Amino acid sequence: MKRRQKIAFWWAAFLTASAALLYCSWPLGFWLNPAAMRAGLASELGAYGQPYNWVFIWGDIISGALLLWGAIVLIHTYKIRGAGRWSLILLATYGVCGALDAALPMSCLPSQEICGPVLSDPMLILHGAIDLVGSVALVGTLVEAVRYVHKHNRTWRPWIYFIGVSALLFAVLSGVFYVFGGPGYWAQRYYITLSCIWVASIPFVLKPRFVLAKVTSN
């Protein structure tokens, strides 16, 4: 049993880390789509008609599938209840939303102001709605993780607070720059990067003490 839990833990950690790495694909835009990288949001790299958009679309879809798989493995391995389980369920939701978001790419580029009225484009509305649900789920993983570590492993609280405050700062800056003009795309890229770092750390943050004991005892 100890060996099986150890293998399951590291397999889940590998899945979530791989998902995070695939989702944080925006640096590839410097080589594959420099024009979009200069003034566009990360989601524009996967928009219809963009060069190599399939790289970013399929990268996000596979990332979402791996994250869902990793969350299921963690739920089965940890067998935790309450806030810890909810954090993993929200992690799975975030992964599904990321995959769906990529499967419904934007049909225009907001940075070039050629999209027209948002309400006239159902796909753009759906894309934004899924993205919003995914963002809320991601924030939910932080909230539930704080609740969990408060009772079980307070060592991780500073890390969660750092990720949460930093991500919130970049999310706000991204919105401000997008509305009022400015390099909002850079703030969004930092937000995505922080999100991926957090996702990769979740298996370690939520690891119950009994699993930790069994993993380290071998």
C-alpha atoms as a PDB file:
ATOM      1  CA  MET A   1       0.000   0.000   0.000  1.00  0.00           C
ATOM      2  CA  LYS A   2       2.823   2.390   0.846  1.00  0.00           C
ATOM      3  CA  ARG A   3       4.506   1.829  -2.512  1.00  0.00           C
ATOM      4  CA  ARG A   4       1.231   2.246  -4.410  1.00  0.00           C
ATOM      5  CA  GLN A   5       0.509   5.558  -2.657  1.00  0.00           C
ATOM      6  CA  LYS A   6       4.014   6.769  -3.355  1.00  0.00           C
ATOM      7  CA  ILE A   7       3.723   5.948  -7.054  1.00  0.00           C
ATOM      8  CA  ALA A   8       0.246   7.521  -7.258  1.00  0.00           C
ATOM      9  CA  PHE A   9       1.458  10.704  -5.558  1.00  0.00           C
ATOM     10  CA  TRP A  10       4.423  11.223  -7.881  1.00  0.00           C
ATOM     11  CA  TRP A  11       2.344  10.303 -10.915  1.00  0.00           C
ATOM     12  CA  ALA A  12      -0.231  12.950  -9.973  1.00  0.00           C
ATOM     13  CA  ALA A  13       2.550  15.460  -9.348  1.00  0.00           C
ATOM     14  CA  PHE A  14       3.958  14.686 -12.794  1.00  0.00           C
ATOM     15  CA  LEU A  15       0.530  15.113 -14.421  1.00  0.00           C
ATOM     16  CA  THR A  16      -0.151  18.483 -12.781  1.00  0.00           C
ATOM     17  CA  ALA A  17       3.367  19.757 -13.504  1.00  0.00           C
ATOM     18  CA  SER A  18       3.080  18.674 -17.155  1.00  0.00           C
ATOM     19  CA  ALA A  19      -0.322  20.353 -17.402  1.00  0.00           C
ATOM     20  CA  ALA A  20       1.105  23.566 -15.962  1.00  0.00           C
ATOM     21  CA  LEU A  21       4.044  23.513 -18.370  1.00  0.00           C
ATOM     22  CA  LEU A  22       1.792  22.971 -21.393  1.00  0.00           C
ATOM     23  CA  TYR A  23      -0.631  25.705 -20.340  1.00  0.00           C
ATOM     24  CA  CYS A  24       2.189  28.208 -19.866  1.00  0.00           C
ATOM     25  CA  SER A  25       2.961  28.149 -23.586  1.00  0.00           C
ATOM     26  CA  TRP A  26       2.884  31.894 -24.259  1.00  0.00           C
ATOM     27  CA  PRO A  27       6.721  32.235 -24.506  1.00  0.00           C
ATOM     28  CA  LEU A  28       6.544  30.131 -27.695  1.00  0.00           C
ATOM     29  CA  GLY A  29       4.708  33.064 -29.268  1.00  0.00           C
ATOM     30  CA  PHE A  30       7.990  34.979 -29.525  1.00  0.00           C
ATOM     31  CA  TRP A  31       9.042  32.496 -32.207  1.00  0.00           C
ATOM     32  CA  LEU A  32       5.741  31.242 -33.616  1.00  0.00           C
ATOM     33  CA  ASN A  33       3.702  34.475 -33.680  1.00  0.00           C
ATOM     34  CA  PRO A  34       5.791  37.585 -32.850  1.00  0.00           C
ATOM     35  CA  ALA A  35       3.078  39.965 -34.106  1.00  0.00           C
ATOM     36  CA  ALA A  36       0.508  38.749 -31.567  1.00  0.00           C
ATOM     37  CA  MET A  37       3.092  38.735 -28.790  1.00  0.00           C
ATOM     38  CA  ARG A  38       3.861  42.413 -29.269  1.00  0.00           C
ATOM     39  CA  ALA A  39       0.373  43.656 -28.435  1.00  0.00           C
ATOM     40  CA  GLY A  40      -2.020  40.771 -27.914  1.00  0.00           C
ATOM     41  CA  LEU A  41      -3.430  38.706 -25.077  1.00  0.00           C
ATOM     42  CA  ALA A  42      -2.276  35.130 -24.681  1.00  0.00           C
ATOM     43  CA  SER A  43      -5.590  33.753 -25.960  1.00  0.00           C
ATOM     44  CA  GLU A  44      -5.015  35.519 -29.284  1.00  0.00           C
ATOM     45  CA  LEU A  45      -2.195  33.077 -30.044  1.00  0.00           C
ATOM     46  CA  GLY A  46      -4.856  30.396 -30.512  1.00  0.00           C
ATOM     47  CA  ALA A  47      -7.331  32.553 -32.447  1.00  0.00           C
ATOM     48  CA  TYR A  48      -8.629  31.489 -35.845  1.00  0.00           C
ATOM     49  CA  GLY A  49      -6.257  32.318 -38.681  1.00  0.00           C
ATOM     50  CA  GLN A  50      -3.216  32.863 -36.471  1.00  0.00           C
ATOM     51  CA  PRO A  51       0.024  31.092 -37.435  1.00  0.00           C
ATOM     52  CA  TYR A  52       0.669  27.911 -35.477  1.00  0.00           C
ATOM     53  CA  ASN A  53      -2.548  28.408 -33.504  1.00  0.00           C
ATOM     54  CA  TRP A  54      -2.907  24.626 -33.304  1.00  0.00           C
ATOM     55  CA  VAL A  55       0.165  24.490 -31.043  1.00  0.00           C
ATOM     56  CA  PHE A  56      -1.521  26.653 -28.419  1.00  0.00           C
ATOM     57  CA  ILE A  57      -4.977  25.143 -28.887  1.00  0.00           C
ATOM     58  CA  TRP A  58      -3.880  21.539 -28.496  1.00  0.00           C
ATOM     59  CA  GLY A  59      -1.402  22.440 -25.786  1.00  0.00           C
ATOM     60  CA  ASP A  60      -4.235  23.862 -23.673  1.00  0.00           C
ATOM     61  CA  ILE A  61      -6.584  20.966 -24.461  1.00  0.00           C
ATOM     62  CA  ILE A  62      -4.003  18.365 -23.456  1.00  0.00           C
ATOM     63  CA  SER A  63      -3.132  20.467 -20.394  1.00  0.00           C
ATOM     64  CA  GLY A  64      -6.766  20.455 -19.285  1.00  0.00           C
ATOM     65  CA  ALA A  65      -7.038  16.693 -19.768  1.00  0.00           C
ATOM     66  CA  LEU A  66      -3.857  16.067 -17.761  1.00  0.00           C
ATOM     67  CA  LEU A  67      -5.036  18.370 -14.988  1.00  0.00           C
ATOM     68  CA  LEU A  68      -8.363  16.553 -14.762  1.00  0.00           C
ATOM     69  CA  TRP A  69      -6.543  13.220 -14.652  1.00  0.00           C
ATOM     70  CA  GLY A  70      -4.145  14.493 -11.993  1.00  0.00           C
ATOM     71  CA  ALA A  71      -6.967  15.829  -9.812  1.00  0.00           C
ATOM     72  CA  ILE A  72      -8.809  12.487  -9.996  1.00  0.00           C
ATOM     73  CA  VAL A  73      -5.649  10.608  -9.011  1.00  0.00           C
ATOM     74  CA  LEU A  74      -5.087  12.969  -6.068  1.00  0.00           C
ATOM     75  CA  ILE A  75      -8.672  12.626  -4.850  1.00  0.00           C
ATOM     76  CA  HIS A  76      -8.359   8.842  -4.994  1.00  0.00           C
ATOM     77  CA  THR A  77      -4.903   8.820  -3.363  1.00  0.00           C
ATOM     78  CA  TYR A  78      -5.441  11.380  -0.611  1.00  0.00           C
ATOM     79  CA  LYS A  79      -8.976  10.322   0.344  1.00  0.00           C
ATOM     80  CA  ILE A  80      -9.418  13.693   2.052  1.00  0.00           C
ATOM     81  CA  ARG A  81     -12.740  15.399   2.716  1.00  0.00           C
ATOM     82  CA  GLY A  82     -13.958  18.922   3.128  1.00  0.00           C
ATOM     83  CA  ALA A  83     -11.826  21.837   1.928  1.00  0.00           C
ATOM     84  CA  GLY A  84      -9.021  19.637   0.574  1.00  0.00           C
ATOM     85  CA  ARG A  85     -11.362  17.657  -1.650  1.00  0.00           C
ATOM     86  CA  TRP A  86     -13.146  20.804  -2.794  1.00  0.00           C
ATOM     87  CA  SER A  87      -9.812  22.321  -3.790  1.00  0.00           C
ATOM     88  CA  LEU A  88      -9.101  19.296  -5.991  1.00  0.00           C
ATOM     89  CA  ILE A  89     -12.601  19.331  -7.476  1.00  0.00           C
ATOM     90  CA  LEU A  90     -12.145  23.002  -8.362  1.00  0.00           C
ATOM     91  CA  LEU A  91      -8.739  22.157  -9.822  1.00  0.00           C
ATOM     92  CA  ALA A  92     -10.426  19.616 -12.099  1.00  0.00           C
ATOM     93  CA  THR A  93     -13.022  22.243 -13.042  1.00  0.00           C
ATOM     94  CA  TYR A  94     -10.254  24.661 -13.913  1.00  0.00           C
ATOM     95  CA  GLY A  95      -8.652  22.059 -16.158  1.00  0.00           C
ATOM     96  CA  VAL A  96     -11.911  21.301 -17.971  1.00  0.00           C
ATOM     97  CA  CYS A  97     -12.583  25.008 -18.514  1.00  0.00           C
ATOM     98  CA  GLY A  98      -9.078  25.494 -19.893  1.00  0.00           C
ATOM     99  CA  ALA A  99      -9.591  22.696 -22.399  1.00  0.00           C
ATOM    100  CA  LEU A 100     -13.039  23.964 -23.447  1.00  0.00           C
ATOM    101  CA  ASP A 101     -11.729  27.512 -23.733  1.00  0.00           C
ATOM    102  CA  ALA A 102      -9.019  26.352 -26.120  1.00  0.00           C
ATOM    103  CA  ALA A 103     -11.485  24.219 -28.100  1.00  0.00           C
ATOM    104  CA  LEU A 104     -13.547  27.375 -28.733  1.00  0.00           C
ATOM    105  CA  PRO A 105     -10.853  29.751 -30.020  1.00  0.00           C
ATOM    106  CA  MET A 106     -11.476  33.436 -30.607  1.00  0.00           C
ATOM    107  CA  SER A 107     -12.537  34.373 -34.125  1.00  0.00           C
ATOM    108  CA  CYS A 108     -10.972  37.841 -33.975  1.00  0.00           C
ATOM    109  CA  LEU A 109      -8.196  39.790 -32.268  1.00  0.00           C
ATOM    110  CA  PRO A 110      -9.314  42.274 -29.586  1.00  0.00           C
ATOM    111  CA  SER A 111      -5.869  43.895 -29.623  1.00  0.00           C
ATOM    112  CA  GLN A 112      -6.473  44.966 -33.225  1.00  0.00           C
ATOM    113  CA  GLU A 113      -9.986  46.234 -32.391  1.00  0.00           C
ATOM    114  CA  ILE A 114     -11.585  44.319 -35.244  1.00  0.00           C
ATOM    115  CA  CYS A 115     -13.998  42.180 -33.217  1.00  0.00           C
ATOM    116  CA  GLY A 116     -16.941  44.539 -33.345  1.00  0.00           C
ATOM    117  CA  PRO A 117     -19.683  44.471 -30.670  1.00  0.00           C
ATOM    118  CA  VAL A 118     -19.132  41.628 -28.214  1.00  0.00           C
ATOM    119  CA  LEU A 119     -22.864  40.845 -28.007  1.00  0.00           C
ATOM    120  CA  SER A 120     -22.919  40.131 -31.750  1.00  0.00           C
ATOM    121  CA  ASP A 121     -20.408  37.295 -31.428  1.00  0.00           C
ATOM    122  CA  PRO A 122     -21.833  34.307 -29.474  1.00  0.00           C
ATOM    123  CA  MET A 123     -18.537  32.419 -29.681  1.00  0.00           C
ATOM    124  CA  LEU A 124     -16.659  35.320 -28.119  1.00  0.00           C
ATOM    125  CA  ILE A 125     -19.255  35.488 -25.328  1.00  0.00           C
ATOM    126  CA  LEU A 126     -18.988  31.734 -24.711  1.00  0.00           C
ATOM    127  CA  HIS A 127     -15.205  31.921 -24.755  1.00  0.00           C
ATOM    128  CA  GLY A 128     -15.252  34.684 -22.164  1.00  0.00           C
ATOM    129  CA  ALA A 129     -17.844  32.921 -19.989  1.00  0.00           C
ATOM    130  CA  ILE A 130     -15.820  29.690 -19.854  1.00  0.00           C
ATOM    131  CA  ASP A 131     -12.681  31.670 -19.099  1.00  0.00           C
ATOM    132  CA  LEU A 132     -14.488  33.420 -16.240  1.00  0.00           C
ATOM    133  CA  VAL A 133     -15.701  30.123 -14.750  1.00  0.00           C
ATOM    134  CA  GLY A 134     -12.174  28.734 -14.965  1.00  0.00           C
ATOM    135  CA  SER A 135     -10.714  31.797 -13.236  1.00  0.00           C
ATOM    136  CA  VAL A 136     -13.287  31.574 -10.437  1.00  0.00           C
ATOM    137  CA  ALA A 137     -12.485  27.866 -10.005  1.00  0.00           C
ATOM    138  CA  LEU A 138      -8.780  28.647  -9.794  1.00  0.00           C
ATOM    139  CA  VAL A 139      -9.373  31.273  -7.109  1.00  0.00           C
ATOM    140  CA  GLY A 140     -11.540  28.711  -5.355  1.00  0.00           C
ATOM    141  CA  THR A 141      -8.611  26.277  -5.189  1.00  0.00           C
ATOM    142  CA  LEU A 142      -6.650  28.922  -3.277  1.00  0.00           C
ATOM    143  CA  VAL A 143      -9.482  29.639  -0.847  1.00  0.00           C
ATOM    144  CA  GLU A 144     -10.137  25.972  -0.126  1.00  0.00           C
ATOM    145  CA  ALA A 145      -6.413  25.233   0.132  1.00  0.00           C
ATOM    146  CA  VAL A 146      -6.053  27.956   2.784  1.00  0.00           C
ATOM    147  CA  ARG A 147      -8.892  26.396   4.747  1.00  0.00           C
ATOM    148  CA  TYR A 148      -7.304  22.971   4.468  1.00  0.00           C
ATOM    149  CA  VAL A 149      -3.724  23.895   5.434  1.00  0.00           C
ATOM    150  CA  HIS A 150      -5.000  25.997   8.344  1.00  0.00           C
ATOM    151  CA  LYS A 151      -6.076  22.734   9.992  1.00  0.00           C
ATOM    152  CA  HIS A 152      -3.503  20.308   8.644  1.00  0.00           C
ATOM    153  CA  ASN A 153      -0.244  21.952   7.500  1.00  0.00           C
ATOM    154  CA  ARG A 154       0.196  25.675   8.155  1.00  0.00           C
ATOM    155  CA  THR A 155       3.679  25.654   6.667  1.00  0.00           C
ATOM    156  CA  TRP A 156       2.148  26.245   3.232  1.00  0.00           C
ATOM    157  CA  ARG A 157       0.063  29.288   4.213  1.00  0.00           C
ATOM    158  CA  PRO A 158       2.704  31.926   3.253  1.00  0.00           C
ATOM    159  CA  TRP A 159       3.103  30.261  -0.151  1.00  0.00           C
ATOM    160  CA  ILE A 160      -0.645  30.321  -0.799  1.00  0.00           C
ATOM    161  CA  TYR A 161      -0.897  33.963   0.284  1.00  0.00           C
ATOM    162  CA  PHE A 162       2.025  34.919  -1.959  1.00  0.00           C
ATOM    163  CA  ILE A 163       0.474  33.241  -4.994  1.00  0.00           C
ATOM    164  CA  GLY A 164      -2.964  34.679  -4.265  1.00  0.00           C
ATOM    165  CA  VAL A 165      -1.848  38.289  -3.724  1.00  0.00           C
ATOM    166  CA  SER A 166       0.523  38.252  -6.706  1.00  0.00           C
ATOM    167  CA  ALA A 167      -2.060  36.717  -9.040  1.00  0.00           C
ATOM    168  CA  LEU A 168      -4.682  39.219  -7.899  1.00  0.00           C
ATOM    169  CA  LEU A 169      -2.292  42.105  -8.528  1.00  0.00           C
ATOM    170  CA  PHE A 170      -1.492  40.989 -12.058  1.00  0.00           C
ATOM    171  CA  ALA A 171      -5.141  40.210 -12.798  1.00  0.00           C
ATOM    172  CA  VAL A 172      -6.169  43.732 -11.744  1.00  0.00           C
ATOM    173  CA  LEU A 173      -3.323  45.311 -13.704  1.00  0.00           C
ATOM    174  CA  SER A 174      -4.263  43.281 -16.756  1.00  0.00           C
ATOM    175  CA  GLY A 175      -7.854  44.542 -16.576  1.00  0.00           C
ATOM    176  CA  VAL A 176      -6.830  48.155 -15.949  1.00  0.00           C
ATOM    177  CA  PHE A 177      -4.364  48.187 -18.825  1.00  0.00           C
ATOM    178  CA  TYR A 178      -6.845  46.480 -21.129  1.00  0.00           C
ATOM    179  CA  VAL A 179      -9.543  49.102 -20.431  1.00  0.00           C
ATOM    180  CA  PHE A 180      -7.434  52.221 -20.200  1.00  0.00           C
ATOM    181  CA  GLY A 181      -4.559  51.305 -22.467  1.00  0.00           C
ATOM    182  CA  GLY A 182      -1.152  49.964 -21.615  1.00  0.00           C
ATOM    183  CA  PRO A 183       0.879  46.737 -21.585  1.00  0.00           C
ATOM    184  CA  GLY A 184      -1.934  44.677 -20.119  1.00  0.00           C
ATOM    185  CA  TYR A 185      -0.807  41.627 -22.043  1.00  0.00           C
ATOM    186  CA  TRP A 186       2.342  41.415 -19.922  1.00  0.00           C
ATOM    187  CA  ALA A 187       0.347  41.520 -16.691  1.00  0.00           C
ATOM    188  CA  GLN A 188      -1.842  38.722 -18.059  1.00  0.00           C
ATOM    189  CA  ARG A 189       1.198  36.640 -18.961  1.00  0.00           C
ATOM    190  CA  TYR A 190       2.597  36.960 -15.460  1.00  0.00           C
ATOM    191  CA  TYR A 191      -0.820  35.981 -14.108  1.00  0.00           C
ATOM    192  CA  ILE A 192      -0.854  32.866 -16.283  1.00  0.00           C
ATOM    193  CA  THR A 193       2.667  31.959 -15.176  1.00  0.00           C
ATOM    194  CA  LEU A 194       1.780  32.317 -11.490  1.00  0.00           C
ATOM    195  CA  SER A 195      -1.346  30.234 -12.047  1.00  0.00           C
ATOM    196  CA  CYS A 196       0.736  27.454 -13.574  1.00  0.00           C
ATOM    197  CA  ILE A 197       3.230  27.550 -10.694  1.00  0.00           C
ATOM    198  CA  TRP A 198       0.345  27.252  -8.240  1.00  0.00           C
ATOM    199  CA  VAL A 199      -1.229  24.356 -10.133  1.00  0.00           C
ATOM    200  CA  ALA A 200       2.075  22.462 -10.123  1.00  0.00           C
ATOM    201  CA  SER A 201       2.442  22.957  -6.358  1.00  0.00           C
ATOM    202  CA  ILE A 202      -1.063  21.798  -5.354  1.00  0.00           C
ATOM    203  CA  PRO A 203      -0.182  18.075  -4.905  1.00  0.00           C
ATOM    204  CA  PHE A 204       2.451  19.075  -2.330  1.00  0.00           C
ATOM    205  CA  VAL A 205       0.324  21.722  -0.622  1.00  0.00           C
ATOM    206  CA  LEU A 206      -2.616  19.373  -0.028  1.00  0.00           C
ATOM    207  CA  LYS A 207      -0.625  16.254   0.776  1.00  0.00           C
ATOM    208  CA  PRO A 208      -2.086  14.798   3.989  1.00  0.00           C
ATOM    209  CA  ARG A 209       0.240  13.955   6.844  1.00  0.00           C
ATOM    210  CA  PHE A 210      -0.465  10.210   6.618  1.00  0.00           C
ATOM    211  CA  VAL A 211       0.490  10.192   2.928  1.00  0.00           C
ATOM    212  CA  LEU A 212       3.614  12.217   3.708  1.00  0.00           C
ATOM    213  CA  ALA A 213       4.615   9.731   6.368  1.00  0.00           C
ATOM    214  CA  LYS A 214       4.132   6.776   4.088  1.00  0.00           C
ATOM    215  CA  VAL A 215       5.960   8.411   1.186  1.00  0.00           C
ATOM    216  CA  THR A 216       9.009   9.377   3.235  1.00  0.00           C
ATOM    217  CA  SER A 217       9.187   6.157   5.196  1.00  0.00           C
ATOM    218  CA  ASN A 218      10.149   4.092   2.159  1.00  0.00           C
END
